[in-house]
């Protein structure tokens, strides 16, 4: 008995611009020629499917390689990276490649990892010997769900991210201090002064500029304020800067720097 098996079209393919798909397909074919069976699947995914990027944004491609049949030695990894980089350069620099071993990809999918789920949800396989599409079908059927362990792993990141955000605000405040001190040093150098140590900058501004009516007193006070603030942050006396407070400090820094610029000009 003869019968025809018609190829199935992936339902996500219409989400991607034709140019993106063509570029990604050419990239996948070139990689297949280079790697052969070491390459398990190549998948087009990313923001293009959700129309959340510009018309000429990155083309996200997932490349899954076989770490079961081949040992992933340092030499293999380095050779792989070099070939991928050269292939991207030849095809299109818009390509943004995410590489993953088949073991890691399976673990992410099994745990219901959000990144893996999004790739399965939006992805279009360009090369697939029967790995990606079956998993995609299982997701559509609701048979891939997050494990309890993965739920807590992801939740555990949230408190650390909050701590990191607070730390970044402290670091940003120290950056404001350096903007103030650099501008003040430039103003003092403009009148022939050798830049003093930070603790003496405010006093020297008063002595050389404020007393001679070259600068308003509030700018020396601003310099002194930021120096004290820097000391309190570095000595851990201040452990958190609120967003509203940072906005005020940013505005004050901007005004200070602009005033020093007018003085120098």
Protein backbone atom coordinates (compact mmCIF):
# COMPACT_ATOMS: atom_id res chain seq x y z
CA UNK A 1 0.00 0.00 0.00
CA UNK A 2 1.28 3.42 -0.92
CA UNK A 3 0.40 6.58 0.93
CA UNK A 4 1.75 10.11 1.11
CA UNK A 5 2.90 11.72 4.35
CA UNK A 6 2.46 15.46 4.05
CA UNK A 7 4.91 17.65 5.97
CA UNK A 8 3.39 19.52 8.88
CA UNK A 9 3.82 23.30 9.05
CA UNK A 10 4.77 24.66 12.45
CA UNK A 11 1.96 26.96 13.71
CA UNK A 12 4.47 29.56 14.90
CA UNK A 13 6.13 30.15 11.55
CA UNK A 14 3.74 32.97 10.59
CA UNK A 15 4.86 34.96 13.64
CA UNK A 16 8.29 35.65 12.19
CA UNK A 17 9.23 38.05 9.37
CA UNK A 18 10.20 36.20 6.20
CA UNK A 19 13.64 37.81 6.18
CA UNK A 20 14.36 36.64 9.74
CA UNK A 21 13.28 33.10 8.93
CA UNK A 22 15.38 33.02 5.75
CA UNK A 23 18.49 34.25 7.56
CA UNK A 24 18.01 31.80 10.43
CA UNK A 25 17.40 28.92 8.02
CA UNK A 26 20.60 29.68 6.10
CA UNK A 27 22.49 29.79 9.38
CA UNK A 28 21.04 26.44 10.46
CA UNK A 29 21.98 24.77 7.16
CA UNK A 30 25.54 26.07 7.38
CA UNK A 31 25.87 24.78 10.95
CA UNK A 32 24.48 21.38 9.94
CA UNK A 33 27.12 21.12 7.23
CA UNK A 34 29.82 21.98 9.76
CA UNK A 35 28.72 19.84 12.70
CA UNK A 36 26.70 16.98 11.25
CA UNK A 37 25.05 14.76 13.87
CA UNK A 38 26.68 16.74 16.71
CA UNK A 39 23.98 19.32 16.01
CA UNK A 40 20.70 18.07 17.49
CA UNK A 41 18.36 20.98 16.72
CA UNK A 42 18.32 24.63 15.72
CA UNK A 43 15.31 26.74 16.70
CA UNK A 44 14.19 30.25 15.77
CA UNK A 45 12.61 32.00 18.76
CA UNK A 46 12.49 35.28 20.63
CA UNK A 47 11.04 38.77 20.57
CA UNK A 48 10.31 38.72 16.83
CA UNK A 49 7.44 36.32 17.51
CA UNK A 50 5.90 38.75 19.99
CA UNK A 51 6.52 41.85 17.81
CA UNK A 52 8.29 43.44 20.78
CA UNK A 53 11.41 44.63 18.94
CA UNK A 54 12.35 46.90 16.08
CA UNK A 55 12.16 45.82 12.43
CA UNK A 56 15.91 45.12 12.31
CA UNK A 57 16.43 43.69 15.79
CA UNK A 58 18.29 40.55 16.77
CA UNK A 59 17.31 37.19 15.35
CA UNK A 60 17.33 34.79 18.31
CA UNK A 61 18.41 31.24 17.54
CA UNK A 62 18.75 28.30 19.93
CA UNK A 63 21.37 25.71 19.04
CA UNK A 64 21.23 22.39 20.89
CA UNK A 65 24.27 20.11 20.64
CA UNK A 66 24.80 16.47 21.61
CA UNK A 67 26.77 16.04 24.84
CA UNK A 68 25.66 12.41 25.18
CA UNK A 69 27.49 10.93 22.19
CA UNK A 70 30.47 13.30 22.41
CA UNK A 71 32.50 14.49 25.40
CA UNK A 72 32.38 18.27 25.74
CA UNK A 73 36.09 18.87 26.23
CA UNK A 74 37.56 22.37 26.30
CA UNK A 75 38.91 21.85 22.78
CA UNK A 76 35.47 20.85 21.48
CA UNK A 77 33.81 23.85 23.13
CA UNK A 78 36.41 26.29 21.78
CA UNK A 79 36.17 24.88 18.26
CA UNK A 80 32.37 25.05 18.43
CA UNK A 81 32.42 28.70 19.54
CA UNK A 82 34.86 29.64 16.78
CA UNK A 83 32.78 27.97 14.06
CA UNK A 84 29.55 29.58 15.31
CA UNK A 85 31.17 33.04 15.41
CA UNK A 86 32.52 32.67 11.88
CA UNK A 87 29.17 31.42 10.61
CA UNK A 88 27.33 34.36 12.19
CA UNK A 89 29.82 36.75 10.56
CA UNK A 90 29.18 35.16 7.15
CA UNK A 91 25.38 34.96 7.36
CA UNK A 92 24.25 38.00 9.40
CA UNK A 93 25.44 39.90 12.46
CA UNK A 94 21.78 40.20 13.48
CA UNK A 95 21.92 36.58 14.62
CA UNK A 96 21.98 36.15 18.39
CA UNK A 97 22.87 32.56 19.22
CA UNK A 98 22.05 30.76 22.46
CA UNK A 99 23.84 27.42 22.73
CA UNK A 100 22.82 24.57 25.00
CA UNK A 101 23.62 20.89 25.41
CA UNK A 102 20.77 18.45 24.96
CA UNK A 103 21.16 17.40 28.61
CA UNK A 104 20.73 20.98 29.85
CA UNK A 105 17.84 21.65 27.48
CA UNK A 106 16.01 18.55 28.70
CA UNK A 107 16.58 19.48 32.35
CA UNK A 108 15.20 22.99 31.74
CA UNK A 109 12.13 21.62 29.97
CA UNK A 110 11.55 18.91 32.57
CA UNK A 111 11.64 21.48 35.37
CA UNK A 112 9.28 23.83 33.53
CA UNK A 113 11.93 26.55 33.37
CA UNK A 114 10.34 29.82 32.09
CA UNK A 115 13.06 30.37 29.47
CA UNK A 116 12.65 26.87 28.05
CA UNK A 117 8.86 27.18 28.14
CA UNK A 118 8.97 30.46 26.18
CA UNK A 119 11.25 28.88 23.57
CA UNK A 120 8.88 25.94 23.20
CA UNK A 121 5.86 28.26 23.05
CA UNK A 122 7.22 30.60 20.34
CA UNK A 123 9.90 28.51 18.64
CA UNK A 124 10.11 27.27 15.07
CA UNK A 125 12.50 24.34 14.53
CA UNK A 126 14.84 24.88 11.59
CA UNK A 127 16.64 21.58 12.07
CA UNK A 128 14.99 18.96 14.26
CA UNK A 129 15.42 15.17 14.15
CA UNK A 130 12.45 14.72 16.46
CA UNK A 131 13.49 16.46 19.67
CA UNK A 132 11.95 19.92 19.70
CA UNK A 133 8.55 19.39 18.09
CA UNK A 134 7.48 16.49 20.37
CA UNK A 135 8.32 18.63 23.41
CA UNK A 136 6.44 21.54 21.84
CA UNK A 137 3.42 19.29 21.36
CA UNK A 138 3.58 18.15 25.00
CA UNK A 139 3.60 21.79 26.09
CA UNK A 140 0.54 22.59 23.95
CA UNK A 141 -1.21 19.59 25.49
CA UNK A 142 -0.47 20.93 28.97
CA UNK A 143 1.78 18.01 29.87
CA UNK A 144 4.87 20.07 30.73
CA UNK A 145 4.48 21.84 34.06
CA UNK A 146 6.91 23.42 36.53
CA UNK A 147 8.18 21.21 39.34
CA UNK A 148 7.90 22.32 42.96
CA UNK A 149 11.70 22.56 43.10
CA UNK A 150 11.86 24.90 40.10
CA UNK A 151 9.15 27.11 41.64
CA UNK A 152 11.28 27.66 44.74
CA UNK A 153 14.49 28.07 42.75
CA UNK A 154 12.94 30.95 40.82
CA UNK A 155 11.29 32.46 43.86
CA UNK A 156 14.62 32.29 45.69
CA UNK A 157 16.10 34.66 43.13
CA UNK A 158 13.64 37.42 43.95
CA UNK A 159 15.01 38.47 47.39
CA UNK A 160 18.58 38.43 46.03
CA UNK A 161 17.50 40.60 43.13
CA UNK A 162 15.99 43.13 45.54
CA UNK A 163 19.28 43.24 47.46
CA UNK A 164 21.15 43.74 44.18
CA UNK A 165 18.82 46.58 43.19
CA UNK A 166 19.48 48.37 46.50
CA UNK A 167 23.21 47.85 46.07
CA UNK A 168 23.08 49.35 42.58
CA UNK A 169 21.38 52.47 43.95
CA UNK A 170 24.18 52.86 46.51
CA UNK A 171 26.77 52.46 43.78
CA UNK A 172 24.91 54.97 41.60
CA UNK A 173 24.99 57.44 44.51
CA UNK A 174 28.75 57.02 44.77
CA UNK A 175 28.95 57.73 41.04
CA UNK A 176 27.16 61.02 41.70
CA UNK A 177 29.78 61.85 44.33
CA UNK A 178 32.54 61.30 41.79
CA UNK A 179 30.75 63.53 39.29
CA UNK A 180 30.66 66.31 41.91
CA UNK A 181 34.28 65.86 43.00
CA UNK A 182 35.57 65.77 39.40
CA UNK A 183 33.66 68.93 38.48
CA UNK A 184 34.91 70.69 41.63
CA UNK A 185 38.51 69.67 40.92
CA UNK A 186 38.20 71.03 37.38
CA UNK A 187 36.93 74.38 38.70
CA UNK A 188 39.83 74.65 41.16
CA UNK A 189 42.35 73.70 38.49
CA UNK A 190 40.85 76.46 36.34
CA UNK A 191 42.05 79.04 38.91
CA UNK A 192 45.50 77.45 39.19
CA UNK A 193 44.97 75.21 42.21
CA UNK A 194 46.46 71.75 42.44
CA UNK A 195 43.55 69.33 43.06
CA UNK A 196 43.36 68.76 46.83
CA UNK A 197 42.30 65.60 48.66
CA UNK A 198 38.50 65.14 48.66
CA UNK A 199 38.08 66.18 52.30
CA UNK A 200 39.53 69.63 51.56
CA UNK A 201 37.70 70.39 48.31
CA UNK A 202 34.70 72.14 49.90
CA UNK A 203 36.94 74.37 52.03
CA UNK A 204 39.07 75.30 49.03
CA UNK A 205 35.96 76.14 47.00
CA UNK A 206 34.96 78.57 49.74
CA UNK A 207 38.46 80.04 50.00
CA UNK A 208 39.24 80.48 46.31
CA UNK A 209 35.84 80.91 44.69
CA UNK A 210 33.07 81.78 47.15
CA UNK A 211 35.01 84.51 49.00
CA UNK A 212 35.91 86.12 45.69
CA UNK A 213 32.27 86.07 44.57
CA UNK A 214 33.10 83.67 41.74
CA UNK A 215 30.77 80.97 43.05
CA UNK A 216 27.61 80.85 45.14
CA UNK A 217 28.02 79.41 48.69
CA UNK A 218 25.49 76.62 48.11
CA UNK A 219 27.86 74.82 45.73
CA UNK A 220 30.54 74.50 48.40
CA UNK A 221 27.81 73.13 50.68
CA UNK A 222 26.83 70.64 47.98
CA UNK A 223 30.42 69.45 47.74
CA UNK A 224 30.61 69.01 51.50
CA UNK A 225 27.27 67.19 51.55
CA UNK A 226 28.34 64.67 48.92
CA UNK A 227 31.66 64.06 50.65
CA UNK A 228 29.90 63.25 53.93
CA UNK A 229 27.41 61.08 52.06
CA UNK A 230 30.21 59.13 50.38
CA UNK A 231 31.88 58.50 53.74
CA UNK A 232 28.66 57.24 55.31
CA UNK A 233 28.04 54.86 52.40
CA UNK A 234 31.57 53.44 52.35
CA UNK A 235 31.55 53.05 56.16
CA UNK A 236 28.17 51.24 55.94
CA UNK A 237 26.46 53.89 58.07
CA UNK A 238 24.01 54.29 55.18
CA UNK A 239 22.90 50.92 53.81
CA UNK A 240 20.06 51.99 51.56
CA UNK A 241 19.16 54.94 49.32
CA UNK A 242 15.50 55.39 48.42
CA UNK A 243 14.54 56.15 44.85
CA UNK A 244 13.08 59.56 45.71
CA UNK A 245 16.27 60.51 47.54
CA UNK A 246 18.41 59.39 44.62
CA UNK A 247 16.35 61.50 42.22
CA UNK A 248 16.98 64.58 44.38
CA UNK A 249 20.70 63.82 44.57
CA UNK A 250 20.84 63.34 40.81
CA UNK A 251 19.16 66.70 40.24
CA UNK A 252 21.55 68.37 42.68
CA UNK A 253 24.55 66.76 40.99
CA UNK A 254 23.38 67.83 37.56
CA UNK A 255 22.96 71.42 38.74
CA UNK A 256 26.43 71.38 40.36
CA UNK A 257 28.16 70.05 37.24
CA UNK A 258 26.41 72.56 34.98
CA UNK A 259 27.44 75.42 37.30
CA UNK A 260 31.08 74.30 37.27
CA UNK A 261 30.94 74.12 33.49
CA UNK A 262 29.67 77.70 33.26
CA UNK A 263 32.48 78.80 35.58
CA UNK A 264 35.17 77.08 33.53
CA UNK A 265 33.82 78.46 30.26
